[in-house]
Amino acid sequence: MGTSQHDTPEARVMRARIGAYALHSRCDSTQHTAPARAGFLARFEREVDPDGSLSEVERRRRAECALKAHMTRLSLASSKARARRSGGGPRA
C-alpha cells in the first residue's frame, strides 16, 4: 500500500491516520512521544529562565504556565480562523 503522487489530500490524510493508529497499537503513545514533549517544555524553560537562576520547581511551574499561554494563543487564533472561514467574522 504505497503512496502515489496521484493520491488526493484526503487519501494522504487517511494513509497517515492508518500509520499513526498502527504505531500506537504497538506501543505506549505516552512513552513514544515523551522525548518530544520534554524537548518542547525545555523550550519554555529556557524562555522563562534564560540565565538558569530559578529553582527547578519554579522554572518548571513557570514553563508550564508559558506553555499553557502558548497553547491558549493558538486556540484563540484557530477559533478566529474558523469564524472567518464560516463567514462569522473575527471574534474578540
PDB file of N, CA and C in Angstrom:
ATOM      1  N   MET A   1       0.851  -1.172   0.000  1.00  0.00           N
ATOM      2  CA  MET A   1       0.000   0.000   0.000  1.00  0.00           C
ATOM      3  C   MET A   1       0.897   1.236   0.000  1.00  0.00           C
ATOM      4  N   GLY A   2       1.563   1.492  -1.103  1.00  0.00           N
ATOM      5  CA  GLY A   2       2.440   2.649  -1.206  1.00  0.00           C
ATOM      6  C   GLY A   2       1.674   3.910  -1.535  1.00  0.00           C
ATOM      7  N   THR A   3       2.344   5.012  -1.333  1.00  0.00           N
ATOM      8  CA  THR A   3       1.710   6.284  -1.664  1.00  0.00           C
ATOM      9  C   THR A   3       1.883   6.551  -3.151  1.00  0.00           C
ATOM     10  N   SER A   4       1.017   7.347  -3.663  1.00  0.00           N
ATOM     11  CA  SER A   4       1.053   7.697  -5.068  1.00  0.00           C
ATOM     12  C   SER A   4       1.006   9.204  -5.203  1.00  0.00           C
ATOM     13  N   GLN A   5       1.701   9.722  -6.212  1.00  0.00           N
ATOM     14  CA  GLN A   5       1.660  11.161  -6.419  1.00  0.00           C
ATOM     15  C   GLN A   5       0.275  11.609  -6.854  1.00  0.00           C
ATOM     16  N   HIS A   6      -0.589  10.635  -7.193  1.00  0.00           N
ATOM     17  CA  HIS A   6      -1.935  10.961  -7.636  1.00  0.00           C
ATOM     18  C   HIS A   6      -2.958  10.865  -6.505  1.00  0.00           C
ATOM     19  N   ASP A   7      -2.494  10.548  -5.293  1.00  0.00           N
ATOM     20  CA  ASP A   7      -3.412  10.482  -4.147  1.00  0.00           C
ATOM     21  C   ASP A   7      -4.038  11.850  -3.907  1.00  0.00           C
ATOM     22  N   THR A   8      -5.267  11.820  -3.519  1.00  0.00           N
ATOM     23  CA  THR A   8      -5.927  13.061  -3.132  1.00  0.00           C
ATOM     24  C   THR A   8      -5.436  13.455  -1.738  1.00  0.00           C
ATOM     25  N   PRO A   9      -5.610  14.705  -1.346  1.00  0.00           N
ATOM     26  CA  PRO A   9      -5.250  15.093   0.028  1.00  0.00           C
ATOM     27  C   PRO A   9      -5.970  14.234   1.064  1.00  0.00           C
ATOM     28  N   GLU A  10      -7.218  13.885   0.793  1.00  0.00           N
ATOM     29  CA  GLU A  10      -7.985  13.059   1.733  1.00  0.00           C
ATOM     30  C   GLU A  10      -7.358  11.675   1.871  1.00  0.00           C
ATOM     31  N   ALA A  11      -6.894  11.107   0.746  1.00  0.00           N
ATOM     32  CA  ALA A  11      -6.271   9.781   0.792  1.00  0.00           C
ATOM     33  C   ALA A  11      -4.959   9.836   1.570  1.00  0.00           C
ATOM     34  N   ARG A  12      -4.186  10.915   1.406  1.00  0.00           N
ATOM     35  CA  ARG A  12      -2.935  11.052   2.160  1.00  0.00           C
ATOM     36  C   ARG A  12      -3.209  11.158   3.650  1.00  0.00           C
ATOM     37  N   VAL A  13      -4.257  11.892   4.007  1.00  0.00           N
ATOM     38  CA  VAL A  13      -4.631  12.010   5.420  1.00  0.00           C
ATOM     39  C   VAL A  13      -5.008  10.644   5.972  1.00  0.00           C
ATOM     40  N   MET A  14      -5.786   9.890   5.208  1.00  0.00           N
ATOM     41  CA  MET A  14      -6.205   8.569   5.680  1.00  0.00           C
ATOM     42  C   MET A  14      -5.002   7.635   5.817  1.00  0.00           C
ATOM     43  N   ARG A  15      -4.037   7.701   4.887  1.00  0.00           N
ATOM     44  CA  ARG A  15      -2.838   6.869   4.996  1.00  0.00           C
ATOM     45  C   ARG A  15      -2.040   7.238   6.254  1.00  0.00           C
ATOM     46  N   ALA A  16      -1.914   8.528   6.509  1.00  0.00           N
ATOM     47  CA  ALA A  16      -1.201   8.973   7.708  1.00  0.00           C
ATOM     48  C   ALA A  16      -1.922   8.512   8.967  1.00  0.00           C
ATOM     49  N   ARG A  17      -3.230   8.591   8.960  1.00  0.00           N
ATOM     50  CA  ARG A  17      -4.020   8.163  10.115  1.00  0.00           C
ATOM     51  C   ARG A  17      -3.850   6.665  10.355  1.00  0.00           C
ATOM     52  N   ILE A  18      -3.859   5.881   9.289  1.00  0.00           N
ATOM     53  CA  ILE A  18      -3.647   4.436   9.413  1.00  0.00           C
ATOM     54  C   ILE A  18      -2.284   4.168  10.048  1.00  0.00           C
ATOM     55  N   GLY A  19      -1.267   4.864   9.571  1.00  0.00           N
ATOM     56  CA  GLY A  19       0.072   4.684  10.134  1.00  0.00           C
ATOM     57  C   GLY A  19       0.138   5.038  11.604  1.00  0.00           C
ATOM     58  N   ALA A  20      -0.509   6.129  11.978  1.00  0.00           N
ATOM     59  CA  ALA A  20      -0.500   6.553  13.383  1.00  0.00           C
ATOM     60  C   ALA A  20      -1.231   5.537  14.255  1.00  0.00           C
ATOM     61  N   TYR A  21      -2.388   5.067  13.795  1.00  0.00           N
ATOM     62  CA  TYR A  21      -3.127   4.077  14.575  1.00  0.00           C
ATOM     63  C   TYR A  21      -2.316   2.783  14.708  1.00  0.00           C
ATOM     64  N   ALA A  22      -1.663   2.359  13.632  1.00  0.00           N
ATOM     65  CA  ALA A  22      -0.853   1.135  13.691  1.00  0.00           C
ATOM     66  C   ALA A  22       0.305   1.311  14.677  1.00  0.00           C
ATOM     67  N   LEU A  23       0.972   2.458  14.629  1.00  0.00           N
ATOM     68  CA  LEU A  23       2.073   2.713  15.558  1.00  0.00           C
ATOM     69  C   LEU A  23       1.589   2.673  17.002  1.00  0.00           C
ATOM     70  N   HIS A  24       0.493   3.347  17.285  1.00  0.00           N
ATOM     71  CA  HIS A  24       0.007   3.420  18.660  1.00  0.00           C
ATOM     72  C   HIS A  24      -0.633   2.122  19.132  1.00  0.00           C
ATOM     73  N   SER A  25      -0.948   1.227  18.210  1.00  0.00           N
ATOM     74  CA  SER A  25      -1.446  -0.092  18.622  1.00  0.00           C
ATOM     75  C   SER A  25      -0.303  -0.989  19.098  1.00  0.00           C
ATOM     76  N   ARG A  26       0.940  -0.629  18.714  1.00  0.00           N
ATOM     77  CA  ARG A  26       2.098  -1.446  19.064  1.00  0.00           C
ATOM     78  C   ARG A  26       2.905  -0.910  20.233  1.00  0.00           C
ATOM     79  N   CYS A  27       2.680   0.333  20.631  1.00  0.00           N
ATOM     80  CA  CYS A  27       3.495   0.899  21.703  1.00  0.00           C
ATOM     81  C   CYS A  27       2.666   1.863  22.553  1.00  0.00           C
ATOM     82  N   ASP A  28       3.212   2.198  23.707  1.00  0.00           N
ATOM     83  CA  ASP A  28       2.577   3.160  24.597  1.00  0.00           C
ATOM     84  C   ASP A  28       2.834   4.549  24.027  1.00  0.00           C
ATOM     85  N   SER A  29       1.794   5.224  23.603  1.00  0.00           N
ATOM     86  CA  SER A  29       1.974   6.508  22.934  1.00  0.00           C
ATOM     87  C   SER A  29       2.593   7.558  23.853  1.00  0.00           C
ATOM     88  N   THR A  30       2.359   7.479  25.161  1.00  0.00           N
ATOM     89  CA  THR A  30       2.968   8.465  26.050  1.00  0.00           C
ATOM     90  C   THR A  30       4.480   8.279  26.103  1.00  0.00           C
ATOM     91  N   GLN A  31       4.939   7.029  26.076  1.00  0.00           N
ATOM     92  CA  GLN A  31       6.383   6.777  26.038  1.00  0.00           C
ATOM     93  C   GLN A  31       6.959   7.185  24.685  1.00  0.00           C
ATOM     94  N   HIS A  32       6.220   6.938  23.637  1.00  0.00           N
ATOM     95  CA  HIS A  32       6.685   7.240  22.291  1.00  0.00           C
ATOM     96  C   HIS A  32       6.886   8.749  22.093  1.00  0.00           C
ATOM     97  N   THR A  33       6.027   9.548  22.683  1.00  0.00           N
ATOM     98  CA  THR A  33       6.098  10.999  22.481  1.00  0.00           C
ATOM     99  C   THR A  33       6.793  11.741  23.624  1.00  0.00           C
ATOM    100  N   ALA A  34       7.242  11.022  24.659  1.00  0.00           N
ATOM    101  CA  ALA A  34       7.873  11.669  25.816  1.00  0.00           C
ATOM    102  C   ALA A  34       9.085  12.526  25.441  1.00  0.00           C
ATOM    103  N   PRO A  35       9.986  12.059  24.584  1.00  0.00           N
ATOM    104  CA  PRO A  35      11.132  12.915  24.240  1.00  0.00           C
ATOM    105  C   PRO A  35      10.716  14.232  23.574  1.00  0.00           C
ATOM    106  N   ALA A  36       9.724  14.175  22.717  1.00  0.00           N
ATOM    107  CA  ALA A  36       9.258  15.397  22.048  1.00  0.00           C
ATOM    108  C   ALA A  36       8.613  16.349  23.051  1.00  0.00           C
ATOM    109  N   ARG A  37       7.804  15.806  23.956  1.00  0.00           N
ATOM    110  CA  ARG A  37       7.167  16.666  24.972  1.00  0.00           C
ATOM    111  C   ARG A  37       8.210  17.299  25.879  1.00  0.00           C
ATOM    112  N   ALA A  38       9.230  16.523  26.260  1.00  0.00           N
ATOM    113  CA  ALA A  38      10.293  17.059  27.125  1.00  0.00           C
ATOM    114  C   ALA A  38      11.058  18.166  26.408  1.00  0.00           C
ATOM    115  N   GLY A  39      11.349  17.972  25.147  1.00  0.00           N
ATOM    116  CA  GLY A  39      12.043  18.998  24.377  1.00  0.00           C
ATOM    117  C   GLY A  39      11.217  20.255  24.213  1.00  0.00           C
ATOM    118  N   PHE A  40       9.926  20.084  24.011  1.00  0.00           N
ATOM    119  CA  PHE A  40       9.025  21.236  23.859  1.00  0.00           C
ATOM    120  C   PHE A  40       8.952  22.023  25.161  1.00  0.00           C
ATOM    121  N   LEU A  41       8.831  21.322  26.288  1.00  0.00           N
ATOM    122  CA  LEU A  41       8.786  22.002  27.579  1.00  0.00           C
ATOM    123  C   LEU A  41      10.123  22.681  27.876  1.00  0.00           C
ATOM    124  N   ALA A  42      11.228  22.062  27.467  1.00  0.00           N
ATOM    125  CA  ALA A  42      12.555  22.664  27.683  1.00  0.00           C
ATOM    126  C   ALA A  42      12.659  24.018  26.985  1.00  0.00           C
ATOM    127  N   ARG A  43      12.014  24.136  25.848  1.00  0.00           N
ATOM    128  CA  ARG A  43      11.988  25.430  25.144  1.00  0.00           C
ATOM    129  C   ARG A  43      11.398  26.507  26.044  1.00  0.00           C
ATOM    130  N   PHE A  44      10.296  26.193  26.708  1.00  0.00           N
ATOM    131  CA  PHE A  44       9.650  27.169  27.585  1.00  0.00           C
ATOM    132  C   PHE A  44      10.457  27.397  28.857  1.00  0.00           C
ATOM    133  N   GLU A  45      11.145  26.371  29.331  1.00  0.00           N
ATOM    134  CA  GLU A  45      12.017  26.545  30.498  1.00  0.00           C
ATOM    135  C   GLU A  45      13.135  27.534  30.177  1.00  0.00           C
ATOM    136  N   ARG A  46      13.713  27.414  28.982  1.00  0.00           N
ATOM    137  CA  ARG A  46      14.757  28.364  28.579  1.00  0.00           C
ATOM    138  C   ARG A  46      14.181  29.770  28.410  1.00  0.00           C
ATOM    139  N   GLU A  47      12.953  29.842  27.964  1.00  0.00           N
ATOM    140  CA  GLU A  47      12.303  31.134  27.749  1.00  0.00           C
ATOM    141  C   GLU A  47      12.038  31.859  29.071  1.00  0.00           C
ATOM    142  N   VAL A  48      11.570  31.129  30.077  1.00  0.00           N
ATOM    143  CA  VAL A  48      11.212  31.776  31.349  1.00  0.00           C
ATOM    144  C   VAL A  48      12.403  31.954  32.280  1.00  0.00           C
ATOM    145  N   ASP A  49      13.490  31.218  32.037  1.00  0.00           N
ATOM    146  CA  ASP A  49      14.665  31.303  32.912  1.00  0.00           C
ATOM    147  C   ASP A  49      15.939  31.199  32.073  1.00  0.00           C
ATOM    148  N   PRO A  50      16.200  32.212  31.243  1.00  0.00           N
ATOM    149  CA  PRO A  50      17.336  32.119  30.322  1.00  0.00           C
ATOM    150  C   PRO A  50      18.698  32.029  31.019  1.00  0.00           C
ATOM    151  N   ASP A  51      18.821  32.604  32.211  1.00  0.00           N
ATOM    152  CA  ASP A  51      20.120  32.551  32.897  1.00  0.00           C
ATOM    153  C   ASP A  51      20.206  31.418  33.917  1.00  0.00           C
ATOM    154  N   GLY A  52      19.157  30.621  34.070  1.00  0.00           N
ATOM    155  CA  GLY A  52      19.177  29.460  34.958  1.00  0.00           C
ATOM    156  C   GLY A  52      19.220  29.799  36.434  1.00  0.00           C
ATOM    157  N   SER A  53      18.636  30.925  36.827  1.00  0.00           N
ATOM    158  CA  SER A  53      18.721  31.354  38.226  1.00  0.00           C
ATOM    159  C   SER A  53      17.571  30.837  39.096  1.00  0.00           C
ATOM    160  N   LEU A  54      16.506  30.342  38.486  1.00  0.00           N
ATOM    161  CA  LEU A  54      15.355  29.867  39.263  1.00  0.00           C
ATOM    162  C   LEU A  54      15.586  28.440  39.762  1.00  0.00           C
ATOM    163  N   SER A  55      14.871  28.085  40.812  1.00  0.00           N
ATOM    164  CA  SER A  55      14.911  26.688  41.258  1.00  0.00           C
ATOM    165  C   SER A  55      14.226  25.826  40.196  1.00  0.00           C
ATOM    166  N   GLU A  56      14.535  24.546  40.200  1.00  0.00           N
ATOM    167  CA  GLU A  56      13.948  23.639  39.212  1.00  0.00           C
ATOM    168  C   GLU A  56      12.428  23.632  39.310  1.00  0.00           C
ATOM    169  N   VAL A  57      11.905  23.632  40.529  1.00  0.00           N
ATOM    170  CA  VAL A  57      10.455  23.608  40.733  1.00  0.00           C
ATOM    171  C   VAL A  57       9.815  24.877  40.172  1.00  0.00           C
ATOM    172  N   GLU A  58      10.393  26.045  40.477  1.00  0.00           N
ATOM    173  CA  GLU A  58       9.831  27.311  39.997  1.00  0.00           C
ATOM    174  C   GLU A  58       9.961  27.435  38.483  1.00  0.00           C
ATOM    175  N   ARG A  59      11.097  26.995  37.934  1.00  0.00           N
ATOM    176  CA  ARG A  59      11.296  27.047  36.486  1.00  0.00           C
ATOM    177  C   ARG A  59      10.248  26.177  35.790  1.00  0.00           C
ATOM    178  N   ARG A  60      10.002  24.979  36.316  1.00  0.00           N
ATOM    179  CA  ARG A  60       9.008  24.072  35.726  1.00  0.00           C
ATOM    180  C   ARG A  60       7.608  24.678  35.817  1.00  0.00           C
ATOM    181  N   ARG A  61       7.276  25.266  36.985  1.00  0.00           N
ATOM    182  CA  ARG A  61       5.953  25.874  37.150  1.00  0.00           C
ATOM    183  C   ARG A  61       5.737  26.987  36.130  1.00  0.00           C
ATOM    184  N   ARG A  62       6.741  27.855  35.986  1.00  0.00           N
ATOM    185  CA  ARG A  62       6.624  28.968  35.042  1.00  0.00           C
ATOM    186  C   ARG A  62       6.588  28.471  33.596  1.00  0.00           C
ATOM    187  N   ALA A  63       7.384  27.447  33.305  1.00  0.00           N
ATOM    188  CA  ALA A  63       7.398  26.897  31.951  1.00  0.00           C
ATOM    189  C   ALA A  63       6.039  26.302  31.598  1.00  0.00           C
ATOM    190  N   GLU A  64       5.420  25.609  32.549  1.00  0.00           N
ATOM    191  CA  GLU A  64       4.099  25.036  32.293  1.00  0.00           C
ATOM    192  C   GLU A  64       3.068  26.131  32.061  1.00  0.00           C
ATOM    193  N   CYS A  65       3.184  27.243  32.787  1.00  0.00           N
ATOM    194  CA  CYS A  65       2.282  28.382  32.557  1.00  0.00           C
ATOM    195  C   CYS A  65       2.534  29.006  31.186  1.00  0.00           C
ATOM    196  N   ALA A  66       3.798  29.143  30.811  1.00  0.00           N
ATOM    197  CA  ALA A  66       4.126  29.691  29.494  1.00  0.00           C
ATOM    198  C   ALA A  66       3.607  28.775  28.387  1.00  0.00           C
ATOM    199  N   LEU A  67       3.701  27.462  28.578  1.00  0.00           N
ATOM    200  CA  LEU A  67       3.172  26.507  27.615  1.00  0.00           C
ATOM    201  C   LEU A  67       1.657  26.646  27.498  1.00  0.00           C
ATOM    202  N   LYS A  68       0.967  26.760  28.625  1.00  0.00           N
ATOM    203  CA  LYS A  68      -0.488  26.932  28.589  1.00  0.00           C
ATOM    204  C   LYS A  68      -0.877  28.231  27.882  1.00  0.00           C
ATOM    205  N   ALA A  69      -0.121  29.301  28.128  1.00  0.00           N
ATOM    206  CA  ALA A  69      -0.393  30.567  27.447  1.00  0.00           C
ATOM    207  C   ALA A  69      -0.209  30.404  25.939  1.00  0.00           C
ATOM    208  N   HIS A  70       0.856  29.715  25.539  1.00  0.00           N
ATOM    209  CA  HIS A  70       1.132  29.479  24.122  1.00  0.00           C
ATOM    210  C   HIS A  70      -0.008  28.698  23.472  1.00  0.00           C
ATOM    211  N   MET A  71      -0.431  27.614  24.119  1.00  0.00           N
ATOM    212  CA  MET A  71      -1.497  26.782  23.566  1.00  0.00           C
ATOM    213  C   MET A  71      -2.820  27.536  23.508  1.00  0.00           C
ATOM    214  N   THR A  72      -3.075  28.380  24.498  1.00  0.00           N
ATOM    215  CA  THR A  72      -4.308  29.165  24.501  1.00  0.00           C
ATOM    216  C   THR A  72      -4.292  30.191  23.377  1.00  0.00           C
ATOM    217  N   ARG A  73      -3.111  30.809  23.115  1.00  0.00           N
ATOM    218  CA  ARG A  73      -2.997  31.733  21.975  1.00  0.00           C
ATOM    219  C   ARG A  73      -3.280  31.004  20.667  1.00  0.00           C
ATOM    220  N   LEU A  74      -2.740  29.796  20.517  1.00  0.00           N
ATOM    221  CA  LEU A  74      -3.007  29.012  19.314  1.00  0.00           C
ATOM    222  C   LEU A  74      -4.488  28.684  19.180  1.00  0.00           C
ATOM    223  N   SER A  75      -5.109  28.338  20.280  1.00  0.00           N
ATOM    224  CA  SER A  75      -6.533  28.016  20.276  1.00  0.00           C
ATOM    225  C   SER A  75      -7.367  29.228  19.864  1.00  0.00           C
ATOM    226  N   LEU A  76      -7.016  30.393  20.390  1.00  0.00           N
ATOM    227  CA  LEU A  76      -7.735  31.617  20.031  1.00  0.00           C
ATOM    228  C   LEU A  76      -7.571  31.920  18.549  1.00  0.00           C
ATOM    229  N   ALA A  77      -6.352  31.805  18.036  1.00  0.00           N
ATOM    230  CA  ALA A  77      -6.118  32.055  16.613  1.00  0.00           C
ATOM    231  C   ALA A  77      -6.901  31.073  15.753  1.00  0.00           C
ATOM    232  N   SER A  78      -6.952  29.812  16.169  1.00  0.00           N
ATOM    233  CA  SER A  78      -7.709  28.802  15.432  1.00  0.00           C
ATOM    234  C   SER A  78      -9.199  29.132  15.440  1.00  0.00           C
ATOM    235  N   SER A  79      -9.703  29.554  16.578  1.00  0.00           N
ATOM    236  CA  SER A  79     -11.115  29.925  16.690  1.00  0.00           C
ATOM    237  C   SER A  79     -11.454  31.088  15.769  1.00  0.00           C
ATOM    238  N   LYS A  80     -10.574  32.087  15.729  1.00  0.00           N
ATOM    239  CA  LYS A  80     -10.803  33.232  14.854  1.00  0.00           C
ATOM    240  C   LYS A  80     -10.773  32.822  13.385  1.00  0.00           C
ATOM    241  N   ALA A  81      -9.841  31.948  13.023  1.00  0.00           N
ATOM    242  CA  ALA A  81      -9.744  31.490  11.640  1.00  0.00           C
ATOM    243  C   ALA A  81     -10.987  30.702  11.240  1.00  0.00           C
ATOM    244  N   ARG A  82     -11.477  29.844  12.136  1.00  0.00           N
ATOM    245  CA  ARG A  82     -12.702  29.089  11.831  1.00  0.00           C
ATOM    246  C   ARG A  82     -13.878  30.024  11.654  1.00  0.00           C
ATOM    247  N   ALA A  83     -13.961  31.047  12.490  1.00  0.00           N
ATOM    248  CA  ALA A  83     -15.066  32.008  12.385  1.00  0.00           C
ATOM    249  C   ALA A  83     -14.992  32.749  11.052  1.00  0.00           C
ATOM    250  N   ARG A  84     -13.790  33.141  10.638  1.00  0.00           N
ATOM    251  CA  ARG A  84     -13.646  33.834   9.359  1.00  0.00           C
ATOM    252  C   ARG A  84     -14.057  32.927   8.208  1.00  0.00           C
ATOM    253  N   ARG A  85     -13.627  31.665   8.251  1.00  0.00           N
ATOM    254  CA  ARG A  85     -13.965  30.733   7.168  1.00  0.00           C
ATOM    255  C   ARG A  85     -15.461  30.468   7.096  1.00  0.00           C
ATOM    256  N   SER A  86     -16.130  30.484   8.235  1.00  0.00           N
ATOM    257  CA  SER A  86     -17.564  30.193   8.227  1.00  0.00           C
ATOM    258  C   SER A  86     -18.390  31.446   7.957  1.00  0.00           C
ATOM    259  N   GLY A  87     -17.717  32.575   7.768  1.00  0.00           N
ATOM    260  CA  GLY A  87     -18.434  33.796   7.453  1.00  0.00           C
ATOM    261  C   GLY A  87     -18.904  34.558   8.676  1.00  0.00           C
ATOM    262  N   GLY A  88     -18.487  34.116   9.844  1.00  0.00           N
ATOM    263  CA  GLY A  88     -18.922  34.768  11.066  1.00  0.00           C
ATOM    264  C   GLY A  88     -18.098  35.985  11.437  1.00  0.00           C
ATOM    265  N   GLY A  89     -17.026  36.217  10.700  1.00  0.00           N
ATOM    266  CA  GLY A  89     -16.170  37.363  11.009  1.00  0.00           C
ATOM    267  C   GLY A  89     -15.285  37.076  12.222  1.00  0.00           C
ATOM    268  N   PRO A  90     -14.372  37.979  12.506  1.00  0.00           N
ATOM    269  CA  PRO A  90     -13.465  37.758  13.639  1.00  0.00           C
ATOM    270  C   PRO A  90     -14.204  37.859  14.962  1.00  0.00           C
ATOM    271  N   ARG A  91     -13.742  37.057  15.906  1.00  0.00           N
ATOM    272  CA  ARG A  91     -14.306  37.105  17.253  1.00  0.00           C
ATOM    273  C   ARG A  91     -13.330  37.818  18.152  1.00  0.00           C
ATOM    274  N   ALA A  92     -13.832  38.467  19.161  1.00  0.00           N
ATOM    275  CA  ALA A  92     -12.962  39.210  20.103  1.00  0.00           C
ATOM    276  C   ALA A  92     -12.226  38.277  21.007  1.00  0.00           C
TER     277      ALA A  92
END
